[in-house]
Amino acid sequence: MAHGHSAQDLMRPAGSAQPAMSVREVSLTLGGPPGRLILDAISFDVRQGEFLSIVGPSGCGKTTLLRLMAGLMPPTSGEITFEGAPVRRPSLSRAIVFQDYTNALLPWRTVSANIALSLEARGVARAERDDRVAALLKKMGLQHAAAQFPGQLSGGMQQRVQIARCLAQQPRIMLMDEPFGALDAITRQGLQDELMALAADEKMTVAFITHDLEEAIYLGDRVFVLAANPGRVVEEIEVGLERPRHQLLTREDPRFLKHRHRLFGLLQGH
């Protein structure tokens, strides 16, 4: 582990609280035999209530790792636990937000109906469902778009709908796969700030994949760096920047710039 914390440090939760999620010696081999080693003995904890950013070069297995954490596929070896229980399959307690919001939303359903999807699946009564959807529309600034269809919305608005639909599940962790990667810079920064406020209000645990180093630092309490071929954790950075954060002032903080230089150097080396 280059210039970072030890694997044992990565698995140590803040204080004595049980971590939200634990990844223990997780490896993944695809194809075979002998197959290609995609992830190699990855171990870390996601602390309760933290915003964890994960960065790494293309092809290092970031998205694959998130899919394992969501229970969408099993590791070849090792174990992932969520709140102490093994992750074997997807769960409403672990919501996943994809980058490709155009395919994540159902184009034939209105914004309200998209948000209501998980509530319908759980058999929530119509009145309660309508109240919950109305509250989420307000929280995400989507009231005016309730009766519109995804194809009528901008990319930023579509991503808001996807996040609102995940919040309707009342998840205890949000797993986010480069959710703002396809958006323009101004829309992206606005959603970054909305997401941080949302995570604070909901006391949400977030694991956030991104290839944008500044985004990782700006959003994160910690940043994990993955190296490629095979994917493995090579560094953990404790961000240590006060919240709430500011798009200009935070990015001009000497600590922010130091972290950016460190991450850039690490990824340039891989």
Protein backbone atom coordinates (compact mmCIF):
# COMPACT_ATOMS: atom_id res chain seq x y z
CA MET A 1 0.00 0.00 0.00
CA ALA A 2 1.88 3.05 -1.28
CA HIS A 3 2.18 6.01 1.11
CA GLY A 4 -1.26 5.27 2.56
CA HIS A 5 -2.88 3.55 5.45
CA SER A 6 -2.51 -0.18 5.98
CA ALA A 7 -5.25 -2.62 5.02
CA GLN A 8 -6.04 -2.90 8.73
CA ASP A 9 -6.50 0.88 8.90
CA LEU A 10 -8.89 0.77 5.93
CA MET A 11 -11.04 -1.70 7.86
CA ARG A 12 -11.12 0.30 11.10
CA PRO A 13 -14.42 2.17 11.51
CA ALA A 14 -14.59 5.62 13.08
CA GLY A 15 -14.99 5.19 16.82
CA SER A 16 -16.34 1.85 17.93
CA ALA A 17 -19.48 1.83 15.75
CA GLN A 18 -20.10 -1.09 13.42
CA PRO A 19 -19.24 -0.06 9.85
CA ALA A 20 -22.10 0.26 7.38
CA MET A 21 -20.36 -2.06 4.94
CA SER A 22 -17.25 -4.25 5.12
CA VAL A 23 -15.34 -5.59 2.13
CA ARG A 24 -13.01 -8.42 3.17
CA GLU A 25 -10.31 -9.86 0.87
CA VAL A 26 -12.66 -9.61 -2.11
CA SER A 27 -11.35 -10.89 -5.43
CA LEU A 28 -13.10 -11.38 -8.74
CA THR A 29 -11.97 -13.49 -11.68
CA LEU A 30 -13.92 -13.45 -14.93
CA GLY A 31 -13.77 -16.02 -17.73
CA GLY A 32 -11.61 -19.03 -17.46
CA PRO A 33 -9.88 -21.13 -16.82
CA PRO A 34 -7.50 -19.59 -15.84
CA GLY A 35 -9.61 -16.42 -16.21
CA ARG A 36 -8.71 -12.78 -15.78
CA LEU A 37 -8.22 -11.36 -12.28
CA ILE A 38 -10.31 -8.15 -12.19
CA LEU A 39 -10.17 -7.34 -8.44
CA ASP A 40 -7.43 -8.59 -6.14
CA ALA A 41 -7.98 -9.10 -2.39
CA ILE A 42 -9.65 -5.73 -1.74
CA SER A 43 -10.44 -4.91 1.91
CA PHE A 44 -11.98 -1.76 3.40
CA ASP A 45 -14.87 -0.52 5.51
CA VAL A 46 -17.49 2.09 4.68
CA ARG A 47 -18.19 3.96 7.91
CA GLN A 48 -21.72 4.73 9.04
CA GLY A 49 -22.83 8.12 7.71
CA GLU A 50 -19.69 8.83 5.70
CA PHE A 51 -19.30 9.94 2.11
CA LEU A 52 -16.68 7.64 0.59
CA SER A 53 -15.26 8.49 -2.85
CA ILE A 54 -13.54 5.83 -4.97
CA VAL A 55 -11.29 6.83 -7.88
CA GLY A 56 -9.06 4.94 -10.26
CA PRO A 57 -8.02 4.70 -13.91
CA SER A 58 -10.35 3.28 -16.56
CA GLY A 59 -10.49 -0.49 -16.35
CA CYS A 60 -9.47 -0.76 -12.68
CA GLY A 61 -12.79 -2.34 -11.69
CA LYS A 62 -14.53 0.59 -9.94
CA THR A 63 -17.96 -0.17 -11.40
CA THR A 64 -17.47 -3.91 -10.88
CA LEU A 65 -16.66 -3.29 -7.20
CA LEU A 66 -19.83 -1.23 -6.81
CA ARG A 67 -21.88 -4.01 -8.42
CA LEU A 68 -20.44 -6.48 -5.89
CA MET A 69 -21.33 -4.08 -3.05
CA ALA A 70 -24.88 -3.84 -4.42
CA GLY A 71 -25.24 -7.62 -4.53
CA LEU A 72 -25.70 -7.64 -8.31
CA MET A 73 -22.96 -10.25 -8.70
CA PRO A 74 -20.95 -12.42 -6.27
CA PRO A 75 -17.19 -12.17 -5.70
CA THR A 76 -15.01 -15.14 -6.63
CA SER A 77 -13.56 -15.07 -3.11
CA GLY A 78 -13.82 -12.98 0.03
CA GLU A 79 -16.97 -11.54 1.58
CA ILE A 80 -18.97 -8.33 1.66
CA THR A 81 -21.22 -7.59 4.62
CA PHE A 82 -23.77 -4.82 5.09
CA GLU A 83 -24.61 -3.92 8.69
CA GLY A 84 -23.08 -7.24 9.71
CA ALA A 85 -25.05 -9.47 7.31
CA PRO A 86 -23.52 -11.07 4.19
CA VAL A 87 -24.43 -9.40 0.89
CA ARG A 88 -25.88 -12.17 -1.30
CA ARG A 89 -28.41 -10.33 -3.49
CA PRO A 90 -29.76 -6.81 -4.15
CA SER A 91 -31.69 -5.14 -1.33
CA LEU A 92 -33.87 -2.06 -0.97
CA SER A 93 -31.57 -0.99 1.86
CA ARG A 94 -28.77 -0.52 -0.72
CA ALA A 95 -29.82 1.81 -3.54
CA ILE A 96 -27.69 2.06 -6.69
CA VAL A 97 -27.60 5.19 -8.86
CA PHE A 98 -26.24 4.67 -12.38
CA GLN A 99 -24.48 7.12 -14.66
CA ASP A 100 -26.78 6.27 -17.56
CA TYR A 101 -29.96 7.91 -16.28
CA THR A 102 -31.58 7.69 -19.74
CA ASN A 103 -31.73 3.89 -19.48
CA ALA A 104 -32.30 3.81 -15.71
CA LEU A 105 -35.66 5.58 -15.94
CA LEU A 106 -38.77 4.07 -17.53
CA PRO A 107 -39.60 6.37 -20.47
CA TRP A 108 -43.32 5.49 -20.51
CA ARG A 109 -43.85 6.50 -16.88
CA THR A 110 -44.14 10.07 -15.64
CA VAL A 111 -41.67 11.51 -13.15
CA SER A 112 -44.09 10.80 -10.30
CA ALA A 113 -44.69 7.24 -11.51
CA ASN A 114 -40.95 6.58 -11.85
CA ILE A 115 -40.36 7.74 -8.29
CA ALA A 116 -43.26 5.59 -7.04
CA LEU A 117 -41.86 2.41 -8.58
CA SER A 118 -40.28 0.87 -5.47
CA LEU A 119 -43.27 1.91 -3.34
CA GLU A 120 -45.62 0.09 -5.71
CA ALA A 121 -43.39 -2.99 -5.67
CA ARG A 122 -43.62 -3.06 -1.87
CA GLY A 123 -47.41 -2.66 -1.88
CA VAL A 124 -47.42 0.72 -0.13
CA ALA A 125 -50.98 2.07 0.07
CA ARG A 126 -51.90 4.65 -2.57
CA ALA A 127 -52.42 7.54 -0.13
CA GLU A 128 -49.09 6.99 1.62
CA ARG A 129 -47.40 6.48 -1.74
CA ASP A 130 -48.73 9.79 -3.06
CA ASP A 131 -47.59 11.61 0.10
CA ARG A 132 -44.10 10.12 -0.10
CA VAL A 133 -43.75 10.95 -3.81
CA ALA A 134 -44.95 14.52 -3.21
CA ALA A 135 -42.37 14.97 -0.44
CA LEU A 136 -39.58 13.64 -2.68
CA LEU A 137 -40.65 15.84 -5.60
CA LYS A 138 -40.35 18.84 -3.28
CA LYS A 139 -37.02 17.72 -1.80
CA MET A 140 -35.47 17.24 -5.26
CA GLY A 141 -37.00 20.38 -6.82
CA LEU A 142 -39.14 18.38 -9.24
CA GLN A 143 -42.66 19.57 -8.36
CA HIS A 144 -43.17 21.30 -11.71
CA ALA A 145 -42.07 18.16 -13.61
CA ALA A 146 -44.29 15.63 -11.80
CA ALA A 147 -46.49 14.90 -14.83
CA GLN A 148 -43.70 15.03 -17.42
CA PHE A 149 -41.92 12.07 -18.97
CA PRO A 150 -38.14 11.51 -18.71
CA GLY A 151 -37.60 12.33 -22.39
CA GLN A 152 -38.95 15.84 -21.77
CA LEU A 153 -36.33 16.59 -19.10
CA SER A 154 -32.73 17.75 -19.16
CA GLY A 155 -29.97 15.34 -18.10
CA GLY A 156 -29.67 17.01 -14.70
CA MET A 157 -33.40 16.72 -14.09
CA GLN A 158 -33.41 13.07 -15.16
CA GLN A 159 -30.62 12.34 -12.69
CA ARG A 160 -32.64 14.09 -9.96
CA VAL A 161 -35.53 11.74 -10.76
CA GLN A 162 -33.26 8.69 -10.49
CA ILE A 163 -31.95 9.89 -7.10
CA ALA A 164 -35.50 10.58 -5.89
CA ARG A 165 -36.58 7.08 -6.99
CA CYS A 166 -33.69 5.61 -4.96
CA LEU A 167 -34.64 7.73 -1.92
CA ALA A 168 -38.18 6.35 -2.15
CA GLN A 169 -36.67 2.97 -1.21
CA GLN A 170 -35.55 4.56 2.10
CA PRO A 171 -32.09 3.02 1.64
CA ARG A 172 -29.43 3.03 4.32
CA ILE A 173 -26.61 3.36 1.79
CA MET A 174 -26.45 4.93 -1.67
CA LEU A 175 -24.07 3.31 -4.15
CA MET A 176 -23.41 5.81 -6.92
CA ASP A 177 -21.61 4.98 -10.18
CA GLU A 178 -20.29 8.21 -11.75
CA PRO A 179 -23.81 9.70 -11.54
CA PHE A 180 -22.76 13.15 -12.76
CA GLY A 181 -20.22 12.06 -15.37
CA ALA A 182 -22.41 12.85 -18.40
CA LEU A 183 -23.53 16.29 -17.20
CA ASP A 184 -22.18 19.75 -18.03
CA ALA A 185 -19.95 21.44 -15.44
CA ILE A 186 -22.51 23.88 -14.01
CA THR A 187 -25.27 21.25 -13.69
CA ARG A 188 -22.75 18.85 -12.19
CA GLN A 189 -21.62 21.30 -9.51
CA GLY A 190 -25.21 22.11 -8.59
CA LEU A 191 -26.03 18.42 -8.15
CA GLN A 192 -22.86 17.86 -6.13
CA ASP A 193 -24.04 20.46 -3.61
CA GLU A 194 -27.58 19.07 -3.59
CA LEU A 195 -26.28 15.56 -2.99
CA MET A 196 -24.10 16.67 -0.07
CA ALA A 197 -27.01 18.53 1.53
CA LEU A 198 -29.24 15.50 0.98
CA ALA A 199 -26.71 13.10 2.51
CA ALA A 200 -26.37 15.38 5.55
CA ASP A 201 -30.16 15.79 5.98
CA GLU A 202 -30.85 12.06 5.63
CA LYS A 203 -27.71 11.01 7.58
CA MET A 204 -27.03 8.86 4.52
CA THR A 205 -24.00 6.66 3.93
CA VAL A 206 -22.70 7.10 0.36
CA ALA A 207 -20.13 5.20 -1.70
CA PHE A 208 -19.41 7.27 -4.80
CA ILE A 209 -17.46 6.17 -7.88
CA THR A 210 -15.91 8.90 -10.02
CA HIS A 211 -12.98 9.47 -12.36
CA ASP A 212 -13.00 13.20 -11.51
CA LEU A 213 -10.36 13.81 -8.82
CA GLU A 214 -11.73 17.20 -7.77
CA GLU A 215 -15.24 15.77 -7.45
CA ALA A 216 -13.92 12.92 -5.29
CA ILE A 217 -12.20 15.33 -2.89
CA TYR A 218 -15.00 17.91 -2.87
CA LEU A 219 -17.67 15.36 -1.97
CA GLY A 220 -15.74 12.87 0.12
CA ASP A 221 -14.84 12.36 3.76
CA ARG A 222 -12.31 9.84 2.46
CA VAL A 223 -11.00 8.96 -0.99
CA PHE A 224 -9.85 5.46 -1.92
CA VAL A 225 -7.54 5.08 -4.91
CA LEU A 226 -7.73 1.89 -6.98
CA ALA A 227 -4.91 0.74 -9.26
CA ALA A 228 -5.58 -1.41 -12.31
CA ASN A 229 -4.56 -4.84 -13.62
CA PRO A 230 -5.78 -6.15 -11.24
CA GLY A 231 -7.90 -3.67 -9.31
CA ARG A 232 -6.63 -3.09 -5.77
CA VAL A 233 -6.66 -0.30 -3.17
CA VAL A 234 -3.33 1.53 -3.16
CA GLU A 235 -4.14 4.55 -1.00
CA GLU A 236 -6.67 6.05 1.39
CA ILE A 237 -6.84 9.82 1.86
CA GLU A 238 -8.67 11.40 4.79
CA VAL A 239 -9.99 14.61 3.23
CA GLY A 240 -10.35 16.60 6.46
CA LEU A 241 -12.14 19.60 4.89
CA GLU A 242 -14.91 21.28 6.86
CA ARG A 243 -18.56 21.04 5.84
CA PRO A 244 -20.57 22.66 4.39
CA ARG A 245 -18.27 23.05 1.40
CA HIS A 246 -18.14 25.79 -1.20
CA GLN A 247 -17.47 25.29 -4.89
CA LEU A 248 -14.87 28.09 -5.01
CA LEU A 249 -13.48 28.44 -1.49
CA THR A 250 -13.14 24.71 -0.79
CA ARG A 251 -11.35 24.10 -4.10
CA GLU A 252 -8.88 26.91 -3.31
CA ASP A 253 -8.03 25.49 0.13
CA PRO A 254 -4.34 24.41 0.28
CA ARG A 255 -5.42 21.02 1.69
CA PHE A 256 -7.71 20.48 -1.31
CA LEU A 257 -4.86 21.29 -3.70
CA LYS A 258 -2.48 19.01 -1.81
CA HIS A 259 -4.95 16.11 -2.07
CA ARG A 260 -5.45 16.81 -5.78
CA HIS A 261 -1.71 16.76 -6.44
CA ARG A 262 -1.37 13.51 -4.51
CA LEU A 263 -4.22 11.80 -6.38
CA PHE A 264 -3.00 13.06 -9.74
CA GLY A 265 0.47 11.70 -9.04
CA LEU A 266 -0.90 8.31 -7.99
CA LEU A 267 -3.13 7.91 -11.03
CA GLN A 268 -0.48 9.19 -13.41
CA GLY A 269 1.71 6.39 -12.07
CA HIS A 270 -0.97 3.84 -13.02
